[in-house]
Protein backbone atom coordinates (compact mmCIF):
# COMPACT_ATOMS: atom_id res chain seq x y z
CA MET A 1 154.79 49.20 125.06
CA GLY A 2 151.68 51.30 124.54
CA PHE A 3 151.07 52.32 120.95
CA ARG A 4 150.28 55.81 119.77
CA TYR A 5 150.25 55.14 116.03
CA LEU A 6 149.28 51.46 115.83
CA ASP A 7 146.41 49.29 116.94
CA ALA A 8 147.31 45.69 117.77
CA ARG A 9 144.93 42.99 118.91
CA ARG A 10 145.09 39.23 119.21
CA ASP A 11 142.33 36.83 118.23
CA GLY A 12 143.51 33.34 119.18
CA PRO A 13 146.70 32.67 117.22
CA VAL A 14 146.13 35.59 114.82
CA GLU A 15 147.63 39.04 115.41
CA TYR A 16 145.80 41.97 113.80
CA LEU A 17 148.03 45.02 113.33
CA THR A 18 146.57 48.26 112.00
CA LEU A 19 148.30 51.50 111.11
CA ASN A 20 146.14 53.91 113.07
CA ARG A 21 146.73 57.41 111.69
CA PRO A 22 143.72 57.81 109.38
CA ASP A 23 143.86 61.62 109.69
CA VAL A 24 147.17 61.60 107.75
CA ARG A 25 146.34 58.55 105.62
CA ASN A 26 148.47 56.28 107.86
CA ALA A 27 151.67 57.98 106.72
CA PHE A 28 155.07 57.12 108.17
CA ASN A 29 157.00 59.19 110.65
CA ASP A 30 159.81 58.29 113.05
CA GLY A 31 157.28 57.32 115.72
CA VAL A 32 155.55 54.85 113.40
CA ILE A 33 158.94 53.35 112.51
CA THR A 34 159.86 52.91 116.19
CA GLU A 35 156.52 51.31 117.05
CA LEU A 36 156.48 48.99 114.03
CA THR A 37 160.01 47.79 114.81
CA TRP A 38 159.18 47.12 118.45
CA TRP A 39 155.96 45.35 117.47
CA ALA A 40 157.73 43.15 114.90
CA ASP A 41 160.44 42.19 117.40
CA SER A 42 157.82 41.21 119.98
CA VAL A 43 155.74 39.17 117.52
CA ALA A 44 158.83 37.36 116.24
CA ALA A 45 159.54 36.21 119.81
CA ASP A 46 155.92 35.16 120.51
CA ARG A 47 155.34 31.48 119.73
CA GLY A 48 151.61 31.91 120.22
CA VAL A 49 151.27 33.91 116.98
CA ARG A 50 150.63 31.85 113.85
CA ALA A 51 149.57 34.57 111.40
CA VAL A 52 149.45 38.36 111.11
CA VAL A 53 146.90 40.52 109.31
CA PHE A 54 148.36 43.94 108.43
CA ALA A 55 145.90 46.76 107.64
CA GLY A 56 145.41 50.52 107.60
CA ALA A 57 142.63 52.40 109.40
CA GLY A 58 140.22 54.51 107.38
CA PRO A 59 140.05 54.79 103.59
CA THR A 60 143.81 54.53 102.93
CA PHE A 61 146.29 51.71 103.59
CA CYS A 62 149.42 53.90 103.75
CA ALA A 63 150.22 57.06 101.79
CA GLY A 64 153.98 57.00 102.34
CA ALA A 65 155.87 59.65 104.31
CA ASP A 66 154.25 62.09 106.70
CA LEU A 67 154.51 65.72 105.50
CA ASP A 68 155.70 67.05 108.86
CA TRP A 69 158.38 64.35 108.95
CA MET A 70 159.45 65.32 105.44
CA ARG A 71 159.72 68.98 106.48
CA ARG A 72 162.06 67.99 109.30
CA MET A 73 164.12 65.80 106.93
CA ALA A 74 164.73 68.79 104.69
CA SER A 75 166.92 70.36 107.39
CA TYR A 76 168.72 67.14 108.41
CA SER A 77 172.43 66.69 107.88
CA TYR A 78 173.71 63.71 105.90
CA GLN A 79 174.40 61.82 109.15
CA GLN A 80 170.93 62.56 110.52
CA ASN A 81 169.39 61.35 107.26
CA LEU A 82 171.57 58.22 107.34
CA ASP A 83 170.50 57.43 110.90
CA ASP A 84 166.86 58.02 110.01
CA ALA A 85 167.03 55.85 106.87
CA SER A 86 168.88 53.12 108.77
CA ASP A 87 166.08 52.98 111.34
CA MET A 88 163.54 52.60 108.55
CA ALA A 89 165.64 49.94 106.83
CA ARG A 90 165.80 47.95 110.07
CA MET A 91 162.02 48.22 110.42
CA PHE A 92 161.38 46.81 106.94
CA LEU A 93 163.95 44.06 107.42
CA THR A 94 162.44 43.07 110.77
CA LEU A 95 158.95 42.97 109.25
CA ASP A 96 160.19 40.97 106.26
CA ARG A 97 161.89 38.41 108.51
CA LEU A 98 158.87 37.69 110.69
CA PRO A 99 158.76 33.89 111.04
CA VAL A 100 154.98 33.80 110.66
CA PRO A 101 152.94 34.55 107.51
CA VAL A 102 151.76 38.13 107.05
CA ILE A 103 148.59 38.98 105.12
CA GLY A 104 148.31 42.53 103.83
CA ARG A 105 144.81 44.02 103.60
CA VAL A 106 145.11 46.96 101.19
CA GLN A 107 142.48 49.58 100.41
CA GLY A 108 142.76 53.05 98.93
CA ALA A 109 146.33 54.12 98.31
CA ALA A 110 149.59 52.29 99.06
CA LEU A 111 152.23 54.77 97.95
CA GLY A 112 156.00 54.85 98.48
CA GLY A 113 156.59 53.15 101.80
CA GLY A 114 153.00 51.88 101.61
CA THR A 115 153.95 49.86 98.53
CA GLY A 116 157.00 48.75 100.51
CA LEU A 117 154.74 47.46 103.28
CA ALA A 118 152.73 45.50 100.74
CA ALA A 119 156.00 44.04 99.43
CA ILE A 120 157.01 42.59 102.81
CA CYS A 121 153.64 40.83 103.17
CA ASP A 122 153.55 37.17 102.18
CA ILE A 123 150.00 37.42 100.86
CA VAL A 124 148.32 40.66 99.76
CA VAL A 125 144.58 41.11 99.31
CA ALA A 126 143.75 44.41 97.61
CA ALA A 127 140.54 46.25 96.88
CA ASP A 128 139.85 46.46 93.16
CA ASP A 129 140.17 50.26 93.27
CA ALA A 130 143.41 50.30 95.31
CA VAL A 131 146.29 52.35 93.89
CA PHE A 132 150.01 51.66 94.26
CA GLY A 133 152.97 53.83 93.35
CA LEU A 134 156.70 54.26 93.77
CA THR A 135 156.48 57.99 93.35
CA GLU A 136 159.71 59.09 95.06
CA VAL A 137 161.50 60.37 91.94
CA ARG A 138 158.79 62.99 91.53
CA LEU A 139 160.00 64.44 94.83
CA GLY A 140 163.66 64.23 93.87
CA LEU A 141 164.09 61.08 95.96
CA ILE A 142 164.38 57.34 95.27
CA PRO A 143 162.60 54.28 96.75
CA ALA A 144 165.87 53.11 98.25
CA VAL A 145 165.01 51.54 101.62
CA ILE A 146 162.12 49.52 100.19
CA ALA A 147 163.95 48.58 96.98
CA PRO A 148 165.11 45.06 98.00
CA PHE A 149 161.61 44.04 99.00
CA VAL A 150 159.78 45.60 96.06
CA ILE A 151 162.28 44.29 93.48
CA GLY A 152 162.04 40.87 95.10
CA LYS A 153 158.31 40.91 94.37
CA ILE A 154 158.00 42.64 90.98
CA GLY A 155 161.43 41.94 89.44
CA GLY A 156 164.02 44.21 87.91
CA SER A 157 162.23 44.94 84.63
CA ALA A 158 159.07 46.28 86.25
CA ALA A 159 161.18 48.17 88.80
CA ARG A 160 162.97 49.97 85.96
CA GLU A 161 159.65 51.26 84.68
CA LEU A 162 157.97 52.05 87.98
CA PHE A 163 160.94 53.39 89.95
CA LEU A 164 161.99 55.66 87.08
CA THR A 165 158.59 57.00 86.02
CA GLY A 166 157.03 57.26 89.47
CA ALA A 167 153.75 56.27 87.81
CA ARG A 168 150.85 55.02 89.88
CA PHE A 169 149.27 51.67 89.01
CA GLY A 170 146.14 49.80 89.93
CA ALA A 171 145.45 46.58 91.80
CA GLU A 172 145.16 44.41 88.69
CA ARG A 173 148.57 45.59 87.45
CA ALA A 174 149.97 44.96 90.93
CA LYS A 175 148.58 41.43 90.79
CA ALA A 176 150.07 40.81 87.36
CA LEU A 177 153.47 41.90 88.75
CA GLY A 178 153.24 39.60 91.78
CA LEU A 179 152.87 42.36 94.37
CA VAL A 180 149.22 41.46 95.03
CA HIS A 181 147.68 37.98 95.17
CA ALA A 182 143.92 38.62 95.26
CA VAL A 183 141.90 41.57 93.95
CA VAL A 184 138.34 41.86 95.25
CA PRO A 185 135.68 44.54 95.81
CA GLU A 186 136.47 46.45 99.00
CA ALA A 187 133.36 45.00 100.65
CA ASP A 188 134.88 41.52 100.24
CA LEU A 189 138.33 42.30 101.69
CA ASP A 190 137.67 40.92 105.16
CA GLN A 191 135.98 37.77 103.90
CA THR A 192 138.92 37.08 101.59
CA VAL A 193 141.41 37.67 104.39
CA VAL A 194 139.49 35.24 106.61
CA GLY A 195 139.77 32.60 103.89
CA TYR A 196 143.55 33.02 103.73
CA VAL A 197 143.80 32.90 107.54
CA LYS A 198 141.91 29.58 107.57
CA ASP A 199 144.27 28.18 104.94
CA LEU A 200 147.31 29.26 106.94
CA LEU A 201 146.00 27.81 110.20
CA ALA A 202 145.43 24.47 108.44
CA GLY A 203 149.17 24.17 107.82
CA ALA A 204 151.75 23.16 110.40
CA PRO A 205 153.15 26.33 112.03
CA GLY A 206 156.73 25.07 112.07
CA ALA A 207 156.51 23.98 108.44
CA ILE A 208 155.11 27.35 107.38
CA SER A 209 157.90 29.17 109.20
CA ALA A 210 160.51 26.86 107.65
CA ALA A 211 158.99 27.33 104.18
CA LYS A 212 159.12 31.12 104.57
CA HIS A 213 162.78 30.91 105.60
CA LEU A 214 163.54 28.57 102.69
CA ILE A 215 162.06 31.01 100.17
CA ALA A 216 164.29 33.80 101.47
CA GLU A 217 167.42 31.62 101.48
CA CYS A 218 166.87 30.13 98.02
CA GLY A 219 166.73 33.61 96.53
CA LYS A 220 170.28 34.29 97.75
CA ARG A 221 171.92 31.11 96.41
CA SER A 222 173.00 29.43 93.22
CA ALA A 223 171.01 26.41 92.04
CA THR A 224 173.74 24.07 93.32
CA ASP A 225 173.88 25.63 96.77
CA ALA A 226 170.09 25.80 96.93
CA ALA A 227 169.81 22.08 96.13
CA THR A 228 171.94 21.22 99.15
CA LEU A 229 169.99 23.60 101.36
CA CYS A 230 166.64 22.19 100.21
CA ALA A 231 167.65 18.56 100.71
CA ASP A 232 168.72 19.36 104.26
CA ALA A 233 165.52 21.32 104.89
CA ILE A 234 163.16 18.51 103.86
CA ALA A 235 165.20 15.91 105.75
CA ARG A 236 164.88 17.99 108.93
CA ARG A 237 161.15 18.43 108.37
CA ARG A 238 160.55 14.71 107.81
CA ALA A 239 162.41 13.86 110.99
CA SER A 240 160.75 16.59 113.09
CA PRO A 241 157.91 15.80 115.54
CA GLU A 242 155.63 18.06 113.52
CA GLY A 243 156.53 16.33 110.26
CA GLN A 244 156.05 12.90 111.81
CA GLU A 245 152.65 13.92 113.18
CA GLY A 246 151.58 15.30 109.80
CA ILE A 247 152.53 12.10 107.98
CA ARG A 248 150.80 9.90 110.58
CA ALA A 249 147.64 12.04 110.48
CA PHE A 250 147.54 11.78 106.69
CA LEU A 251 147.99 8.01 106.70
CA GLU A 252 145.46 7.56 109.52
CA LYS A 253 142.98 9.88 107.76
CA ARG A 254 142.60 12.24 110.71
CA LYS A 255 143.33 15.89 111.41
CA PRO A 256 146.82 16.69 112.73
CA THR A 257 147.16 17.99 116.27
CA TRP A 258 148.01 21.55 115.28
C-alpha cells in the first residue's frame, strides 16, 4: 500500500513511521486512520521489525482532528458517527497491541488524538516545550476512543482533572503523570531516541514482545490470576530457545546471538 499521509522507512530492524501532514499539523482524518491501521497490521505480521519510532513531520507531533473531517462529522448520522468512531477505535487498539516496542518522538503539540497516540507508545521522548491536552470537552465532545489508553497511562484521578477541564499541560507534567518518560531539549530528541533504540535492540526480541503482552494482561486480572499467568510466562521463557541462549550467554560471559 502506498501512503498519502504517512512516511514509513526501515533501517535494519527499526521501522520509522512519521505522520506526514505538516500543513495541517499532522491532524487525523479518515484517510490517516485507514493508513495507520493498515501499517500497524503489516508491522505486527513482520518478524523483521524489532522496534518502531513514531514521529510527526514539521513542528507539531499531532494536533488532533482535521478541521475538514470535523466539518463532515457535523452532518453525519448517529450510525455514520458510530462507524467512523469504530474505525478509529480499531486503529488505536491495533497500534496498542503491536508486539514490538514503540517509541514516541513528540515535539510541539500533541492534542486530543495526538495525546492518544502518545499513550499507545511504550516509551515517549518529548521536547521540553511540548504541549499535551485532552481538549475535547471544549468542543462539546469527549476523549472517548482514546480513553482506555490515556487512563491506562495517567490513571483515573488525573483523567478526572484533564478530561473534565480540557486544560493543556506541559512535558514535565506529562512525565510526572507517566505519559512521557524523557523530557529533553528538542535538539536532543533524536539522540535520546537512538539511546532507547539501542537499549531495546540489546534485549531479546521474543522476551520484549512477551513482556509487553504480560503488562497488558496483568492489568486485566486480579492478583491471584496474575500470579498464575506470570508463573506460566516465566516458565515458558526459561524453557524457550531464546531464554536458554540468554542464560548460556550470561554464564559464558559473551553476547547473545540476537
